[in-house]
Amino acid sequence: MNNKEKWIAFYTILRREIRRFMRIWPQTLLPPVITMILYFVIFGQLIGSRIGSMAGLPYIQFVAPGLIMMSVITNSYSNVVSSFFGLKFQRNIEELLVSPVPSWIILLGYIAGGMCRGLGVGILVTIMALYFTSFSIHSLPVTVAIVLMTSLMFSIAGLINAIFATSFDDISIIPTFVLTPLTYLGGVFYSINLLGDFWRDVSMFNPILYMVNAFRFGISGITDIDIIWSFSMVVLASIILFLYALYLLEKGSRLRS
């Protein structure tokens, strides 16, 4: 395939992914926004008014970046895992794999589709957050870079989950038993400086902690983790996941019957 044909293949996959979640936007875009509004009401206003401040910020301003990042993570992941497994379940993936489209084009197309949904929901949640609190951007480059890298990383993770899944139940195991606990324990609702030494050290193994803190630094200038270290962890994890996902697509052992 020449470069023009590769671009057409990539654009076709991306357009299909965007149309897929936009066509059913009441199921893909609206529920996460409503969920985040409930978080802002409960944790931001009701509980936050009693907590007061966290790390020198009003509590609602402290949790807002984490809630935005939570929406980006969950929607980037869920879009790719559901879409790719659906293609696999219907046996349409075999037609795609035997086509002349390179595996890396297929991978990039699905990643970009997941990022579009994750970032789209993140923007909607950010707009709703401005109704509950106000915040200014401390560092726009850091804010944009970390949210893009986070969306990229979890889009790849969603595709890997879809490759290994053998039933629709399998695509809910990771979000339920891995992604959700890591998110809640990733510094969204608290500063890890409140933890004891042991649990603070354990928290350092949570990749979401680095993303949330980098995003919080980009918005408010407050972080528990060094920014360079945060970006290093996210970039390294994204590269490893990308290469592994590409290997799985090239091998195709779990995709071809």
Protein backbone atom coordinates (compact mmCIF):
# COMPACT_ATOMS: atom_id res chain seq x y z
CA MET A 1 0.00 0.00 0.00
CA ASN A 2 1.19 3.51 -0.77
CA ASN A 3 0.91 6.37 1.69
CA LYS A 4 -2.38 7.62 0.25
CA GLU A 5 -3.99 4.18 0.58
CA LYS A 6 -2.70 3.86 4.15
CA TRP A 7 -4.22 7.23 5.02
CA ILE A 8 -7.56 6.20 3.50
CA ALA A 9 -7.51 2.98 5.53
CA PHE A 10 -6.71 4.85 8.74
CA TYR A 11 -9.37 7.49 8.06
CA THR A 12 -11.97 4.83 7.27
CA ILE A 13 -11.40 3.03 10.58
CA LEU A 14 -11.38 6.31 12.51
CA ARG A 15 -14.56 7.57 10.83
CA ARG A 16 -16.30 4.27 11.57
CA GLU A 17 -15.32 4.47 15.24
CA ILE A 18 -16.50 8.06 15.61
CA ARG A 19 -19.79 7.35 13.87
CA ARG A 20 -20.30 4.28 16.05
CA PHE A 21 -20.26 6.15 19.36
CA MET A 22 -21.86 9.34 18.01
CA ARG A 23 -24.80 7.40 16.57
CA ILE A 24 -25.69 6.17 20.06
CA TRP A 25 -24.56 9.25 21.98
CA PRO A 26 -27.30 8.89 24.65
CA GLN A 27 -25.54 5.64 25.64
CA THR A 28 -21.91 6.63 25.09
CA LEU A 29 -21.61 10.34 25.92
CA LEU A 30 -24.52 11.23 28.18
CA PRO A 31 -24.21 8.60 30.99
CA PRO A 32 -20.57 9.38 31.91
CA VAL A 33 -21.35 13.10 32.03
CA ILE A 34 -24.31 12.48 34.36
CA THR A 35 -22.14 10.22 36.53
CA MET A 36 -19.48 12.89 36.84
CA ILE A 37 -22.12 15.50 37.74
CA LEU A 38 -23.20 13.26 40.62
CA TYR A 39 -19.57 13.01 41.74
CA PHE A 40 -19.28 16.80 41.71
CA VAL A 41 -22.48 17.17 43.72
CA ILE A 42 -21.66 14.49 46.29
CA PHE A 43 -17.91 14.75 46.69
CA GLY A 44 -17.50 18.35 45.63
CA GLN A 45 -20.34 20.20 47.30
CA LEU A 46 -21.84 17.97 50.01
CA ILE A 47 -18.72 16.24 51.33
CA GLY A 48 -16.30 18.89 50.13
CA SER A 49 -18.00 21.61 52.16
CA ARG A 50 -17.21 19.61 55.32
CA ILE A 51 -13.67 18.65 54.35
CA GLY A 52 -12.76 22.22 53.53
CA SER A 53 -9.44 22.13 51.69
CA MET A 54 -6.99 19.58 50.39
CA ALA A 55 -3.35 20.39 49.55
CA GLY A 56 -4.14 24.09 49.88
CA LEU A 57 -7.08 24.01 47.46
CA PRO A 58 -10.84 23.99 48.06
CA TYR A 59 -11.78 20.34 47.98
CA ILE A 60 -13.95 20.62 44.87
CA GLN A 61 -11.06 22.21 42.98
CA PHE A 62 -8.80 19.42 44.20
CA VAL A 63 -11.05 16.59 42.97
CA ALA A 64 -12.16 18.24 39.71
CA PRO A 65 -8.99 17.33 37.73
CA GLY A 66 -9.17 13.75 38.98
CA LEU A 67 -12.81 13.40 37.97
CA ILE A 68 -12.09 14.78 34.52
CA MET A 69 -9.20 12.37 34.12
CA MET A 70 -11.38 9.51 35.37
CA SER A 71 -13.89 10.18 32.59
CA VAL A 72 -11.13 10.25 29.97
CA ILE A 73 -9.65 6.97 31.19
CA THR A 74 -12.88 4.99 31.38
CA ASN A 75 -14.30 6.17 28.06
CA SER A 76 -11.08 5.76 26.08
CA TYR A 77 -10.78 2.23 27.39
CA SER A 78 -14.42 1.18 27.03
CA ASN A 79 -14.77 2.50 23.49
CA VAL A 80 -11.93 0.41 22.08
CA VAL A 81 -12.58 -2.75 24.05
CA SER A 82 -16.27 -2.87 23.12
CA SER A 83 -15.77 -1.93 19.47
CA PHE A 84 -12.84 -4.24 18.75
CA PHE A 85 -14.35 -7.20 20.59
CA GLY A 86 -17.61 -6.67 18.71
CA LEU A 87 -15.66 -6.90 15.45
CA LYS A 88 -13.92 -10.02 16.75
CA PHE A 89 -17.17 -11.61 17.98
CA GLN A 90 -18.86 -11.09 14.59
CA ARG A 91 -15.83 -12.58 12.78
CA ASN A 92 -15.36 -9.37 10.82
CA ILE A 93 -11.86 -8.97 12.22
CA GLU A 94 -10.63 -11.80 10.00
CA GLU A 95 -11.54 -9.84 6.89
CA LEU A 96 -9.63 -6.86 8.22
CA LEU A 97 -6.55 -8.92 9.07
CA VAL A 98 -6.32 -10.57 5.63
CA SER A 99 -6.61 -7.22 3.91
CA PRO A 100 -3.42 -5.41 2.79
CA VAL A 101 -3.88 -2.85 5.57
CA PRO A 102 -0.78 -2.91 7.85
CA SER A 103 -1.39 -3.91 11.45
CA TRP A 104 -0.05 -0.60 12.73
CA ILE A 105 -2.67 1.27 10.67
CA ILE A 106 -5.42 -0.86 12.21
CA LEU A 107 -3.98 -0.24 15.66
CA LEU A 108 -3.72 3.53 15.14
CA GLY A 109 -7.26 3.71 13.77
CA TYR A 110 -8.81 2.09 16.82
CA ILE A 111 -6.58 4.04 19.20
CA ALA A 112 -7.58 7.32 17.58
CA GLY A 113 -11.26 6.36 17.81
CA GLY A 114 -10.93 5.62 21.52
CA MET A 115 -9.09 8.88 22.08
CA CYS A 116 -11.82 10.84 20.31
CA ARG A 117 -14.48 9.49 22.64
CA GLY A 118 -12.32 9.83 25.76
CA LEU A 119 -11.33 13.39 24.97
CA GLY A 120 -14.86 14.29 23.91
CA VAL A 121 -16.32 13.13 27.21
CA GLY A 122 -13.45 14.84 29.04
CA ILE A 123 -14.32 18.15 27.39
CA LEU A 124 -17.99 17.76 28.30
CA VAL A 125 -17.13 16.95 31.91
CA THR A 126 -14.79 19.95 32.06
CA ILE A 127 -17.58 22.22 30.86
CA MET A 128 -19.90 20.83 33.53
CA ALA A 129 -17.15 21.22 36.16
CA LEU A 130 -17.10 24.96 35.50
CA TYR A 131 -20.68 25.10 36.77
CA PHE A 132 -19.56 23.81 40.18
CA THR A 133 -16.19 25.51 40.52
CA SER A 134 -13.76 27.76 38.70
CA PHE A 135 -10.15 27.02 37.92
CA SER A 136 -7.47 28.43 35.67
CA ILE A 137 -4.89 26.54 33.64
CA HIS A 138 -1.51 26.57 35.35
CA SER A 139 0.35 24.98 32.42
CA LEU A 140 -1.48 24.37 29.14
CA PRO A 141 1.28 22.20 27.57
CA VAL A 142 1.33 19.87 30.60
CA THR A 143 -2.47 19.70 30.69
CA VAL A 144 -2.87 18.87 27.00
CA ALA A 145 0.10 16.48 26.87
CA ILE A 146 -0.93 14.35 29.85
CA VAL A 147 -4.56 14.04 28.83
CA LEU A 148 -3.53 12.98 25.31
CA MET A 149 -1.02 10.44 26.64
CA THR A 150 -3.53 9.06 29.14
CA SER A 151 -6.21 8.66 26.49
CA LEU A 152 -3.67 7.00 24.19
CA MET A 153 -2.48 4.57 26.85
CA PHE A 154 -5.91 3.36 27.88
CA SER A 155 -7.13 3.09 24.31
CA ILE A 156 -4.27 0.66 23.68
CA ALA A 157 -5.06 -1.19 26.91
CA GLY A 158 -8.68 -1.55 25.80
CA LEU A 159 -7.61 -3.14 22.52
CA ILE A 160 -5.35 -5.61 24.33
CA ASN A 161 -8.24 -6.57 26.60
CA ALA A 162 -10.45 -7.11 23.52
CA ILE A 163 -7.86 -9.38 21.89
CA PHE A 164 -7.67 -11.67 24.92
CA ALA A 165 -11.42 -11.62 25.66
CA THR A 166 -13.42 -14.67 24.63
CA SER A 167 -16.85 -13.46 25.77
CA PHE A 168 -18.63 -10.24 26.58
CA ASP A 169 -18.12 -11.00 30.28
CA ASP A 170 -14.36 -10.88 29.75
CA ILE A 171 -14.41 -7.27 28.57
CA SER A 172 -15.95 -6.17 31.88
CA ILE A 173 -13.52 -8.00 34.17
CA ILE A 174 -10.60 -5.58 33.78
CA PRO A 175 -12.68 -2.38 34.15
CA THR A 176 -14.49 -3.78 37.18
CA PHE A 177 -11.69 -5.47 39.10
CA VAL A 178 -8.62 -3.56 37.93
CA LEU A 179 -9.42 -0.20 36.35
CA THR A 180 -12.01 1.00 38.87
CA PRO A 181 -9.95 0.18 42.01
CA LEU A 182 -6.83 1.76 40.49
CA THR A 183 -8.82 4.88 39.64
CA TYR A 184 -10.30 5.29 43.12
CA LEU A 185 -6.88 4.64 44.68
CA GLY A 186 -5.09 6.91 42.23
CA GLY A 187 -5.24 10.13 44.21
CA VAL A 188 -8.49 11.36 42.68
CA PHE A 189 -10.16 12.09 46.03
CA TYR A 190 -7.15 12.53 48.32
CA SER A 191 -3.52 13.48 48.49
CA ILE A 192 -1.14 10.57 49.01
CA ASN A 193 0.67 12.71 51.57
CA LEU A 194 -2.19 11.80 53.92
CA LEU A 195 -1.17 8.13 53.74
CA GLY A 196 1.34 6.35 55.90
CA ASP A 197 4.74 5.45 54.52
CA PHE A 198 3.74 1.89 53.59
CA TRP A 199 0.57 2.80 51.68
CA ARG A 200 2.28 5.77 50.07
CA ASP A 201 4.94 3.42 48.71
CA VAL A 202 2.26 1.00 47.50
CA SER A 203 0.44 3.85 45.75
CA MET A 204 3.57 4.59 43.73
CA PHE A 205 2.93 1.40 41.75
CA ASN A 206 -0.42 2.77 40.56
CA PRO A 207 0.02 4.29 37.06
CA ILE A 208 -3.17 6.34 37.37
CA LEU A 209 -1.64 8.21 40.30
CA TYR A 210 0.94 9.74 37.96
CA MET A 211 -1.65 10.76 35.38
CA VAL A 212 -4.00 12.36 37.87
CA ASN A 213 -1.23 14.30 39.58
CA ALA A 214 0.28 15.52 36.31
CA PHE A 215 -3.14 16.69 35.14
CA ARG A 216 -3.81 18.36 38.50
CA PHE A 217 -0.48 20.15 38.19
CA GLY A 218 -1.37 21.35 34.71
CA ILE A 219 -4.62 22.87 36.00
CA SER A 220 -3.81 24.05 39.53
CA GLY A 221 -0.05 23.72 39.93
CA ILE A 222 -0.45 21.19 42.78
CA THR A 223 1.07 17.71 42.59
CA ASP A 224 2.29 14.92 44.87
CA ILE A 225 4.53 13.42 42.18
CA ASP A 226 7.39 14.96 40.22
CA ILE A 227 6.08 15.94 36.77
CA ILE A 228 9.07 14.60 34.84
CA TRP A 229 8.72 11.26 36.60
CA SER A 230 4.98 11.21 35.86
CA PHE A 231 5.48 11.79 32.15
CA SER A 232 8.30 9.26 32.02
CA MET A 233 6.08 6.56 33.51
CA VAL A 234 3.17 7.30 31.17
CA VAL A 235 5.34 7.45 28.04
CA LEU A 236 7.16 4.23 28.94
CA ALA A 237 3.91 2.38 29.67
CA SER A 238 2.35 3.65 26.42
CA ILE A 239 5.31 2.47 24.33
CA ILE A 240 5.30 -0.97 25.95
CA LEU A 241 1.55 -1.40 25.48
CA PHE A 242 1.70 -0.16 21.87
CA LEU A 243 4.45 -2.62 20.92
CA TYR A 244 2.66 -5.47 22.68
CA ALA A 245 -0.67 -4.67 20.98
CA LEU A 246 1.10 -4.51 17.61
CA TYR A 247 2.72 -7.87 18.30
CA LEU A 248 -0.66 -9.42 19.11
CA LEU A 249 -2.19 -8.05 15.91
CA GLU A 250 0.74 -9.30 13.83
CA LYS A 251 0.59 -12.73 15.46
CA GLY A 252 -3.19 -12.92 15.26
CA SER A 253 -3.40 -16.18 17.24
CA ARG A 254 -6.33 -14.97 19.32
CA LEU A 255 -8.07 -13.28 16.42
CA ARG A 256 -8.15 -15.86 13.65
CA SER A 257 -10.32 -18.96 14.06
